[in-house]
């Protein structure tokens, strides 16, 4: 039982098959375009992530290289502050001794004979304070020198930090190009 088709039916069937074939070709072309766009988006995304990772690594490297120097400067400052604290403690002890001697002044008024010994003791205390003041003066000179060194160091660091800003701006240019791209 064969199916006999008229010429018109045969032609309609052939046109239907051709239209179906064209529709499948269009669909295949659309799928290919979508696949190409997705691939391009994935490539741009991966390149962007790689650029960001490189930027972060460079920033970490720069910060780490400068951090060691800053730690050294901070350690020097800490040592100077500890030295100043010791000098202040010595001054406090001298002032306490001086206070003990000054407390005896009413007794000196009553007992003039003991005044000379107290004055000699006060003179020794003043000499001790003078020595401590000389030590503080030396420490202040050292601190001034270290602060000058830190100022010079910050002046040296400033162009480097500005250079980092320029480098980050330069490295972000590819990302600006990607922002303008769209599927």
N, C-alpha and C. Protein backbone atom coordinates (compact mmCIF):
# COMPACT_ATOMS: atom_id res chain seq x y z
N UNK A 1 0.82 -1.15 0.00
CA UNK A 1 0.00 0.00 0.00
C UNK A 1 0.87 1.23 0.00
N UNK A 2 1.21 1.64 -1.10
CA UNK A 2 2.07 2.79 -1.24
C UNK A 2 1.29 4.09 -1.18
N UNK A 3 1.97 5.07 -0.84
CA UNK A 3 1.33 6.36 -0.72
C UNK A 3 1.66 7.15 -1.96
N UNK A 4 0.65 7.42 -2.70
CA UNK A 4 0.87 8.18 -3.92
C UNK A 4 0.67 9.65 -3.63
N UNK A 5 1.65 10.42 -3.98
CA UNK A 5 1.57 11.86 -3.75
C UNK A 5 1.45 12.55 -5.10
N UNK A 6 0.64 13.56 -5.07
CA UNK A 6 0.52 14.34 -6.29
C UNK A 6 1.75 15.23 -6.41
N UNK A 7 1.92 15.81 -7.56
CA UNK A 7 3.07 16.68 -7.80
C UNK A 7 3.02 17.88 -6.85
N UNK A 8 1.86 18.39 -6.63
CA UNK A 8 1.73 19.54 -5.74
C UNK A 8 2.08 19.15 -4.31
N UNK A 9 1.62 17.99 -3.89
CA UNK A 9 1.94 17.53 -2.53
C UNK A 9 3.43 17.25 -2.41
N UNK A 10 3.96 16.67 -3.46
CA UNK A 10 5.40 16.39 -3.45
C UNK A 10 6.19 17.69 -3.37
N UNK A 11 5.77 18.69 -4.14
CA UNK A 11 6.45 19.99 -4.13
C UNK A 11 6.30 20.66 -2.76
N UNK A 12 5.12 20.60 -2.18
CA UNK A 12 4.88 21.18 -0.85
C UNK A 12 5.74 20.47 0.20
N UNK A 13 5.83 19.15 0.08
CA UNK A 13 6.67 18.38 1.01
C UNK A 13 8.13 18.76 0.84
N UNK A 14 8.59 18.90 -0.40
CA UNK A 14 9.98 19.30 -0.65
C UNK A 14 10.24 20.70 -0.09
N UNK A 15 9.34 21.67 -0.33
CA UNK A 15 9.50 23.02 0.21
C UNK A 15 9.51 23.01 1.74
N UNK A 16 8.66 22.20 2.32
CA UNK A 16 8.62 22.07 3.79
C UNK A 16 9.95 21.54 4.31
N UNK A 17 10.50 20.55 3.60
CA UNK A 17 11.80 19.99 4.02
C UNK A 17 12.90 21.03 3.86
N UNK A 18 12.87 21.81 2.77
CA UNK A 18 13.88 22.85 2.57
C UNK A 18 13.75 23.94 3.64
N UNK A 19 12.49 24.34 3.92
CA UNK A 19 12.27 25.35 4.96
C UNK A 19 12.76 24.84 6.31
N UNK A 20 12.49 23.57 6.58
CA UNK A 20 12.96 22.97 7.84
C UNK A 20 14.48 22.96 7.89
N UNK A 21 15.09 22.63 6.75
CA UNK A 21 16.56 22.60 6.68
C UNK A 21 17.13 24.01 6.90
N UNK A 22 16.50 25.04 6.28
CA UNK A 22 16.95 26.42 6.46
C UNK A 22 16.77 26.85 7.93
N UNK A 23 15.63 26.50 8.51
CA UNK A 23 15.38 26.84 9.92
C UNK A 23 16.43 26.20 10.82
N UNK A 24 16.78 24.95 10.53
CA UNK A 24 17.80 24.26 11.33
C UNK A 24 19.17 24.93 11.13
N UNK A 25 19.46 25.39 9.90
CA UNK A 25 20.73 26.07 9.64
C UNK A 25 20.77 27.40 10.40
N UNK A 26 19.65 28.15 10.40
CA UNK A 26 19.58 29.42 11.14
C UNK A 26 19.77 29.15 12.63
N UNK A 27 19.08 28.11 13.13
CA UNK A 27 19.20 27.75 14.55
C UNK A 27 20.64 27.37 14.89
N UNK A 28 21.26 26.60 14.03
CA UNK A 28 22.65 26.20 14.25
C UNK A 28 23.57 27.42 14.25
N UNK A 29 23.31 28.36 13.32
CA UNK A 29 24.10 29.60 13.26
C UNK A 29 23.93 30.43 14.53
N UNK A 30 22.69 30.51 15.02
CA UNK A 30 22.44 31.25 16.26
C UNK A 30 23.16 30.58 17.44
N UNK A 31 23.09 29.26 17.50
CA UNK A 31 23.79 28.54 18.58
C UNK A 31 25.29 28.79 18.51
N UNK A 32 25.83 28.81 17.29
CA UNK A 32 27.26 29.06 17.13
C UNK A 32 27.61 30.47 17.58
N UNK A 33 26.78 31.46 17.23
CA UNK A 33 27.02 32.84 17.67
C UNK A 33 26.97 32.96 19.19
N UNK A 34 25.99 32.32 19.79
CA UNK A 34 25.88 32.34 21.25
C UNK A 34 27.11 31.70 21.88
N UNK A 35 27.54 30.58 21.33
CA UNK A 35 28.72 29.89 21.87
C UNK A 35 29.97 30.77 21.74
N UNK A 36 30.11 31.46 20.61
CA UNK A 36 31.26 32.35 20.42
C UNK A 36 31.23 33.50 21.43
N UNK A 37 30.04 34.06 21.65
CA UNK A 37 29.94 35.16 22.62
C UNK A 37 30.26 34.68 24.04
N UNK A 38 29.74 33.54 24.41
CA UNK A 38 30.02 33.00 25.74
C UNK A 38 31.51 32.74 25.89
N UNK A 39 32.13 32.20 24.85
CA UNK A 39 33.58 31.95 24.89
C UNK A 39 34.35 33.26 25.04
N UNK A 40 33.94 34.29 24.30
CA UNK A 40 34.61 35.59 24.40
C UNK A 40 34.43 36.18 25.80
N UNK A 41 33.24 36.07 26.35
CA UNK A 41 32.99 36.59 27.70
C UNK A 41 33.85 35.85 28.71
N UNK A 42 33.94 34.53 28.58
CA UNK A 42 34.77 33.74 29.50
C UNK A 42 36.25 34.13 29.37
N UNK A 43 36.72 34.34 28.16
CA UNK A 43 38.12 34.74 27.97
C UNK A 43 38.39 36.10 28.63
N UNK A 44 37.49 37.06 28.37
CA UNK A 44 37.66 38.39 28.95
C UNK A 44 37.63 38.30 30.48
N UNK A 45 36.72 37.49 31.00
CA UNK A 45 36.65 37.31 32.46
C UNK A 45 37.92 36.72 33.03
N UNK A 46 38.46 35.71 32.40
CA UNK A 46 39.68 35.07 32.90
C UNK A 46 40.88 36.02 32.79
N UNK A 47 40.96 36.77 31.69
CA UNK A 47 42.05 37.74 31.54
C UNK A 47 41.92 38.82 32.61
N UNK A 48 40.69 39.27 32.85
CA UNK A 48 40.47 40.29 33.89
C UNK A 48 40.90 39.78 35.25
N UNK A 49 40.52 38.55 35.57
CA UNK A 49 40.93 37.97 36.87
C UNK A 49 42.45 37.86 36.96
N UNK A 50 43.09 37.49 35.87
CA UNK A 50 44.56 37.37 35.88
C UNK A 50 45.20 38.74 36.10
N UNK A 51 44.68 39.77 35.43
CA UNK A 51 45.22 41.12 35.60
C UNK A 51 45.03 41.60 37.04
N UNK A 52 43.86 41.36 37.60
CA UNK A 52 43.60 41.75 39.00
C UNK A 52 44.54 41.01 39.93
N UNK A 53 44.75 39.72 39.70
CA UNK A 53 45.66 38.94 40.55
C UNK A 53 47.09 39.49 40.46
N UNK A 54 47.52 39.84 39.27
CA UNK A 54 48.87 40.40 39.10
C UNK A 54 48.98 41.74 39.83
N UNK A 55 47.94 42.57 39.72
CA UNK A 55 47.95 43.87 40.40
C UNK A 55 48.05 43.67 41.91
N UNK A 56 47.26 42.74 42.45
CA UNK A 56 47.32 42.48 43.89
C UNK A 56 48.68 41.96 44.30
N UNK A 57 49.26 41.08 43.52
CA UNK A 57 50.58 40.56 43.86
C UNK A 57 51.63 41.67 43.85
N UNK A 58 51.55 42.56 42.86
CA UNK A 58 52.49 43.68 42.82
C UNK A 58 52.32 44.60 44.02
N UNK A 59 51.06 44.87 44.39
CA UNK A 59 50.82 45.72 45.55
C UNK A 59 51.35 45.07 46.82
N UNK A 60 51.13 43.78 46.99
CA UNK A 60 51.66 43.08 48.16
C UNK A 60 53.17 43.12 48.19
N UNK A 61 53.80 42.92 47.04
CA UNK A 61 55.27 42.95 46.99
C UNK A 61 55.80 44.32 47.39
N UNK A 62 55.19 45.39 46.85
CA UNK A 62 55.64 46.74 47.17
C UNK A 62 55.45 47.03 48.65
N UNK A 63 54.29 46.68 49.19
CA UNK A 63 54.04 46.93 50.61
C UNK A 63 55.01 46.14 51.48
N UNK A 64 55.27 44.91 51.12
CA UNK A 64 56.17 44.07 51.92
C UNK A 64 57.60 44.62 51.88
N UNK A 65 58.05 45.07 50.73
CA UNK A 65 59.42 45.59 50.63
C UNK A 65 59.58 46.87 51.46
N UNK A 66 58.58 47.69 51.53
CA UNK A 66 58.66 48.93 52.32
C UNK A 66 58.39 48.67 53.80
N UNK A 67 57.66 47.60 54.11
CA UNK A 67 57.29 47.32 55.49
C UNK A 67 58.51 46.98 56.34
N UNK A 68 59.45 46.24 55.80
CA UNK A 68 60.64 45.88 56.56
C UNK A 68 61.42 47.12 56.97
N UNK A 69 61.53 48.08 56.08
CA UNK A 69 62.23 49.32 56.39
C UNK A 69 61.51 50.08 57.50
N UNK A 70 60.18 50.16 57.39
CA UNK A 70 59.39 50.88 58.39
C UNK A 70 59.49 50.20 59.76
N UNK A 71 59.55 48.88 59.80
CA UNK A 71 59.70 48.16 61.07
C UNK A 71 61.03 48.54 61.71
N UNK A 72 62.08 48.64 60.92
CA UNK A 72 63.38 49.05 61.45
C UNK A 72 63.34 50.45 62.03
N UNK A 73 62.69 51.36 61.34
CA UNK A 73 62.57 52.74 61.83
C UNK A 73 61.77 52.77 63.13
N UNK A 74 60.69 51.99 63.19
CA UNK A 74 59.87 51.95 64.40
C UNK A 74 60.65 51.35 65.57
N UNK A 75 61.47 50.34 65.31
CA UNK A 75 62.29 49.76 66.37
C UNK A 75 63.28 50.79 66.91
N UNK A 76 63.87 51.58 66.03
CA UNK A 76 64.79 52.64 66.46
C UNK A 76 64.06 53.66 67.33
N UNK A 77 62.88 54.06 66.89
CA UNK A 77 62.09 55.00 67.68
C UNK A 77 61.75 54.41 69.05
N UNK A 78 61.37 53.14 69.07
CA UNK A 78 61.02 52.48 70.33
C UNK A 78 62.22 52.48 71.28
N UNK A 79 63.41 52.20 70.77
CA UNK A 79 64.61 52.21 71.61
C UNK A 79 64.86 53.60 72.17
N UNK A 80 64.65 54.63 71.36
CA UNK A 80 64.85 56.00 71.83
C UNK A 80 63.83 56.37 72.91
N UNK A 81 62.58 55.94 72.75
CA UNK A 81 61.56 56.23 73.75
C UNK A 81 61.85 55.50 75.06
N UNK A 82 62.35 54.28 74.96
CA UNK A 82 62.73 53.54 76.18
C UNK A 82 63.85 54.27 76.89
N UNK A 83 64.82 54.75 76.14
CA UNK A 83 65.93 55.49 76.73
C UNK A 83 65.43 56.77 77.41
N UNK A 84 64.49 57.46 76.77
CA UNK A 84 63.92 58.67 77.38
C UNK A 84 63.18 58.32 78.67
N UNK A 85 62.47 57.20 78.68
CA UNK A 85 61.74 56.79 79.88
C UNK A 85 62.72 56.53 81.03
N UNK A 86 63.86 55.92 80.72
CA UNK A 86 64.88 55.69 81.76
C UNK A 86 65.41 57.02 82.29
N UNK A 87 65.66 57.96 81.39
CA UNK A 87 66.14 59.28 81.83
C UNK A 87 65.10 59.97 82.71
N UNK A 88 63.84 59.85 82.35
CA UNK A 88 62.77 60.46 83.15
C UNK A 88 62.69 59.80 84.52
N UNK A 89 62.89 58.48 84.59
CA UNK A 89 62.87 57.79 85.88
C UNK A 89 64.03 58.27 86.75
N UNK A 90 65.19 58.47 86.14
CA UNK A 90 66.34 58.98 86.91
C UNK A 90 66.06 60.39 87.41
N UNK A 91 65.44 61.22 86.58
CA UNK A 91 65.07 62.57 87.01
C UNK A 91 64.06 62.51 88.15
N UNK A 92 63.09 61.62 88.05
CA UNK A 92 62.09 61.48 89.10
C UNK A 92 62.75 61.09 90.42
N UNK A 93 63.71 60.16 90.36
CA UNK A 93 64.42 59.74 91.58
C UNK A 93 65.20 60.92 92.16
N UNK A 94 65.84 61.69 91.31
CA UNK A 94 66.58 62.86 91.79
C UNK A 94 65.65 63.88 92.42
N UNK A 95 64.51 64.10 91.79
CA UNK A 95 63.54 65.06 92.34
C UNK A 95 62.99 64.55 93.66
N UNK A 96 62.78 63.24 93.78
CA UNK A 96 62.31 62.67 95.05
C UNK A 96 63.35 62.90 96.14
N UNK A 97 64.61 62.69 95.82
CA UNK A 97 65.67 62.96 96.79
C UNK A 97 65.70 64.44 97.15
N UNK A 98 65.54 65.26 96.14
CA UNK A 98 65.53 66.70 96.38
C UNK A 98 64.35 67.08 97.27
N UNK A 99 63.21 66.46 97.03
CA UNK A 99 62.02 66.72 97.84
C UNK A 99 62.26 66.33 99.29
N UNK A 100 62.96 65.20 99.47
CA UNK A 100 63.29 64.78 100.84
C UNK A 100 64.18 65.82 101.52
N UNK A 101 65.11 66.38 100.78
CA UNK A 101 65.99 67.41 101.36
C UNK A 101 65.24 68.71 101.60
N UNK A 102 64.33 69.06 100.70
CA UNK A 102 63.56 70.29 100.87
C UNK A 102 62.61 70.15 102.06
N UNK A 103 62.14 68.93 102.33
CA UNK A 103 61.25 68.72 103.47
C UNK A 103 61.92 69.08 104.79
N UNK A 104 63.20 69.02 104.80
CA UNK A 104 63.92 69.35 106.04
C UNK A 104 64.18 70.84 106.20
N UNK A 105 63.74 71.69 105.28
CA UNK A 105 63.98 73.13 105.40
C UNK A 105 63.39 73.75 106.67
N UNK A 106 62.16 73.39 107.11
CA UNK A 106 61.69 73.97 108.37
C UNK A 106 62.61 73.65 109.55
N UNK A 107 63.16 72.44 109.51
CA UNK A 107 64.09 72.06 110.57
C UNK A 107 65.36 72.90 110.44
N UNK A 108 65.77 73.21 109.22
CA UNK A 108 66.97 74.03 108.98
C UNK A 108 66.77 75.42 109.58
N UNK A 109 65.55 75.94 109.41
CA UNK A 109 65.28 77.26 109.97
C UNK A 109 65.47 77.22 111.48
N UNK A 110 65.00 76.15 112.08
CA UNK A 110 65.13 76.02 113.53
C UNK A 110 66.57 75.71 113.91
N UNK A 111 67.19 74.86 113.12
CA UNK A 111 68.56 74.43 113.45
C UNK A 111 69.50 74.91 112.36
N UNK A 112 69.97 76.09 112.45
CA UNK A 112 70.84 76.71 111.46
C UNK A 112 72.15 75.94 111.33
N UNK A 113 72.57 75.29 112.32
CA UNK A 113 73.84 74.57 112.28
C UNK A 113 73.86 73.44 111.27
N UNK A 114 72.70 72.83 110.98
CA UNK A 114 72.66 71.72 110.03
C UNK A 114 72.44 72.18 108.59
N UNK A 115 72.25 73.49 108.40
CA UNK A 115 71.94 74.00 107.07
C UNK A 115 73.05 73.72 106.06
N UNK A 116 74.28 73.83 106.43
CA UNK A 116 75.38 73.66 105.48
C UNK A 116 75.40 72.25 104.90
N UNK A 117 75.14 71.24 105.72
CA UNK A 117 75.12 69.86 105.22
C UNK A 117 74.00 69.66 104.19
N UNK A 118 72.86 70.24 104.49
CA UNK A 118 71.73 70.11 103.55
C UNK A 118 72.03 70.82 102.24
N UNK A 119 72.67 71.99 102.33
CA UNK A 119 73.02 72.73 101.11
C UNK A 119 74.01 71.92 100.28
N UNK A 120 74.97 71.29 100.93
CA UNK A 120 75.93 70.45 100.20
C UNK A 120 75.19 69.31 99.51
N UNK A 121 74.25 68.70 100.25
CA UNK A 121 73.46 67.61 99.66
C UNK A 121 72.64 68.10 98.47
N UNK A 122 72.04 69.29 98.63
CA UNK A 122 71.28 69.87 97.52
C UNK A 122 72.19 70.16 96.33
N UNK A 123 73.39 70.63 96.61
CA UNK A 123 74.35 70.90 95.54
C UNK A 123 74.67 69.62 94.77
N UNK A 124 74.86 68.52 95.51
CA UNK A 124 75.11 67.24 94.84
C UNK A 124 73.92 66.83 93.97
N UNK A 125 72.72 67.02 94.53
CA UNK A 125 71.51 66.68 93.76
C UNK A 125 71.41 67.53 92.49
N UNK A 126 71.76 68.81 92.62
CA UNK A 126 71.70 69.69 91.44
C UNK A 126 72.74 69.26 90.41
N UNK A 127 73.91 68.85 90.89
CA UNK A 127 74.91 68.33 89.96
C UNK A 127 74.39 67.08 89.26
N UNK A 128 73.73 66.22 90.04
CA UNK A 128 73.15 65.00 89.46
C UNK A 128 72.09 65.36 88.41
N UNK A 129 71.25 66.35 88.73
CA UNK A 129 70.22 66.79 87.77
C UNK A 129 70.90 67.36 86.53
N UNK A 130 71.97 68.11 86.75
CA UNK A 130 72.69 68.68 85.61
C UNK A 130 73.24 67.58 84.71
N UNK A 131 73.78 66.54 85.35
CA UNK A 131 74.27 65.41 84.55
C UNK A 131 73.12 64.76 83.79
N UNK A 132 72.00 64.57 84.48
CA UNK A 132 70.83 63.97 83.82
C UNK A 132 70.34 64.85 82.67
N UNK A 133 70.36 66.17 82.88
CA UNK A 133 69.93 67.09 81.83
C UNK A 133 70.87 67.01 80.62
N UNK A 134 72.17 66.86 80.91
CA UNK A 134 73.12 66.68 79.80
C UNK A 134 72.81 65.40 79.04
N UNK A 135 72.47 64.33 79.79
CA UNK A 135 72.09 63.07 79.14
C UNK A 135 70.84 63.24 78.30
N UNK A 136 69.86 63.97 78.85
CA UNK A 136 68.62 64.21 78.09
C UNK A 136 68.93 65.04 76.85
N UNK A 137 69.81 66.02 76.99
CA UNK A 137 70.18 66.83 75.83
C UNK A 137 70.78 65.96 74.73
N UNK A 138 71.66 65.03 75.14
CA UNK A 138 72.26 64.13 74.15
C UNK A 138 71.18 63.27 73.50
N UNK A 139 70.25 62.76 74.31
CA UNK A 139 69.16 61.93 73.76
C UNK A 139 68.29 62.75 72.80
N UNK A 140 68.01 64.00 73.17
CA UNK A 140 67.20 64.85 72.30
C UNK A 140 67.92 65.10 70.98
N UNK A 141 69.25 65.26 71.04
CA UNK A 141 70.03 65.43 69.81
C UNK A 141 69.93 64.17 68.95
N UNK A 142 70.02 63.00 69.61
CA UNK A 142 69.90 61.74 68.86
C UNK A 142 68.50 61.60 68.26
N UNK A 143 67.47 61.94 69.05
CA UNK A 143 66.09 61.84 68.55
C UNK A 143 65.91 62.79 67.37
N UNK A 144 66.45 64.01 67.49
CA UNK A 144 66.35 64.96 66.37
C UNK A 144 67.01 64.39 65.13
N UNK A 145 68.16 63.76 65.32
CA UNK A 145 68.86 63.14 64.18
C UNK A 145 68.01 62.03 63.57
N UNK A 146 67.41 61.20 64.44
CA UNK A 146 66.57 60.11 63.92
C UNK A 146 65.32 60.65 63.23
N UNK A 147 64.73 61.70 63.78
CA UNK A 147 63.56 62.30 63.13
C UNK A 147 63.97 62.87 61.77
N UNK A 148 65.15 63.49 61.69
CA UNK A 148 65.65 63.99 60.40
C UNK A 148 65.84 62.83 59.43
N UNK A 149 66.40 61.71 59.93
CA UNK A 149 66.56 60.52 59.06
C UNK A 149 65.21 60.02 58.58
N UNK A 150 64.21 60.00 59.50
CA UNK A 150 62.87 59.55 59.10
C UNK A 150 62.28 60.49 58.06
N UNK A 151 62.51 61.80 58.22
CA UNK A 151 61.99 62.76 57.25
C UNK A 151 62.60 62.50 55.88
N UNK A 152 63.91 62.27 55.86
CA UNK A 152 64.58 61.96 54.60
C UNK A 152 64.01 60.67 54.00
N UNK A 153 63.79 59.68 54.87
CA UNK A 153 63.25 58.40 54.40
C UNK A 153 61.86 58.59 53.80
N UNK A 154 61.02 59.39 54.47
CA UNK A 154 59.69 59.62 53.93
C UNK A 154 59.76 60.37 52.61
N UNK A 155 60.73 61.26 52.48
CA UNK A 155 60.90 61.96 51.21
C UNK A 155 61.31 60.99 50.11
N UNK A 156 62.12 60.00 50.48
CA UNK A 156 62.54 59.00 49.50
C UNK A 156 61.36 58.09 49.16
N UNK A 157 60.53 57.77 50.17
CA UNK A 157 59.39 56.89 49.94
C UNK A 157 58.30 57.56 49.12
N UNK A 158 58.13 58.87 49.24
CA UNK A 158 57.02 59.56 48.61
C UNK A 158 56.96 59.34 47.10
N UNK A 159 58.07 59.50 46.34
CA UNK A 159 57.98 59.23 44.90
C UNK A 159 57.63 57.77 44.61
N UNK A 160 58.11 56.87 45.45
CA UNK A 160 57.79 55.45 45.23
C UNK A 160 56.30 55.19 45.41
N UNK A 161 55.70 55.79 46.44
CA UNK A 161 54.27 55.62 46.67
C UNK A 161 53.48 56.27 45.54
N UNK A 162 53.94 57.46 45.08
CA UNK A 162 53.26 58.08 43.94
C UNK A 162 53.41 57.21 42.70
N UNK A 163 54.56 56.59 42.56
CA UNK A 163 54.78 55.69 41.42
C UNK A 163 53.83 54.51 41.45
N UNK A 164 53.51 54.02 42.65
CA UNK A 164 52.56 52.92 42.78
C UNK A 164 51.21 53.36 42.24
N UNK A 165 50.80 54.60 42.58
CA UNK A 165 49.52 55.10 42.09
C UNK A 165 49.50 55.15 40.57
N UNK A 166 50.58 55.62 39.98
CA UNK A 166 50.66 55.69 38.51
C UNK A 166 50.63 54.29 37.92
N UNK A 167 51.37 53.36 38.53
CA UNK A 167 51.39 51.98 38.03
C UNK A 167 50.02 51.33 38.12
N UNK A 168 49.30 51.54 39.22
CA UNK A 168 47.96 50.97 39.36
C UNK A 168 47.05 51.56 38.31
N UNK A 169 47.16 52.87 38.07
CA UNK A 169 46.33 53.50 37.04
C UNK A 169 46.66 52.91 35.67
N UNK A 170 47.95 52.74 35.39
CA UNK A 170 48.38 52.19 34.11
C UNK A 170 47.90 50.75 33.94
N UNK A 171 47.99 49.98 35.02
CA UNK A 171 47.59 48.57 34.92
C UNK A 171 46.07 48.42 34.83
N UNK A 172 45.31 49.43 35.24
CA UNK A 172 43.86 49.32 35.17
C UNK A 172 43.32 49.70 33.80
N UNK A 173 44.16 50.18 32.89
CA UNK A 173 43.69 50.55 31.55
C UNK A 173 43.03 49.40 30.81
N UNK A 174 43.58 48.17 30.84
CA UNK A 174 42.89 47.08 30.14
C UNK A 174 41.49 46.85 30.68
N UNK A 175 41.28 47.02 31.97
CA UNK A 175 39.96 46.82 32.54
C UNK A 175 38.99 47.88 32.02
N UNK A 176 39.48 49.10 31.81
CA UNK A 176 38.62 50.15 31.27
C UNK A 176 38.17 49.78 29.86
N UNK A 177 39.06 49.14 29.09
CA UNK A 177 38.69 48.70 27.75
C UNK A 177 37.61 47.63 27.83
N UNK A 178 37.73 46.71 28.79
CA UNK A 178 36.75 45.64 28.93
C UNK A 178 35.40 46.18 29.37
N UNK A 179 35.37 47.25 30.14
CA UNK A 179 34.11 47.85 30.58
C UNK A 179 33.33 48.37 29.37
N UNK A 180 34.02 48.84 28.36
CA UNK A 180 33.35 49.35 27.18
C UNK A 180 32.85 48.25 26.25
N UNK A 181 33.35 47.04 26.41
CA UNK A 181 32.95 45.93 25.53
C UNK A 181 31.64 45.33 26.05
N UNK A 182 30.79 44.93 25.19
CA UNK A 182 29.52 44.29 25.58
C UNK A 182 29.14 43.24 24.56
N UNK A 183 28.43 42.20 25.04
CA UNK A 183 28.04 41.14 24.07
C UNK A 183 26.95 41.60 23.14
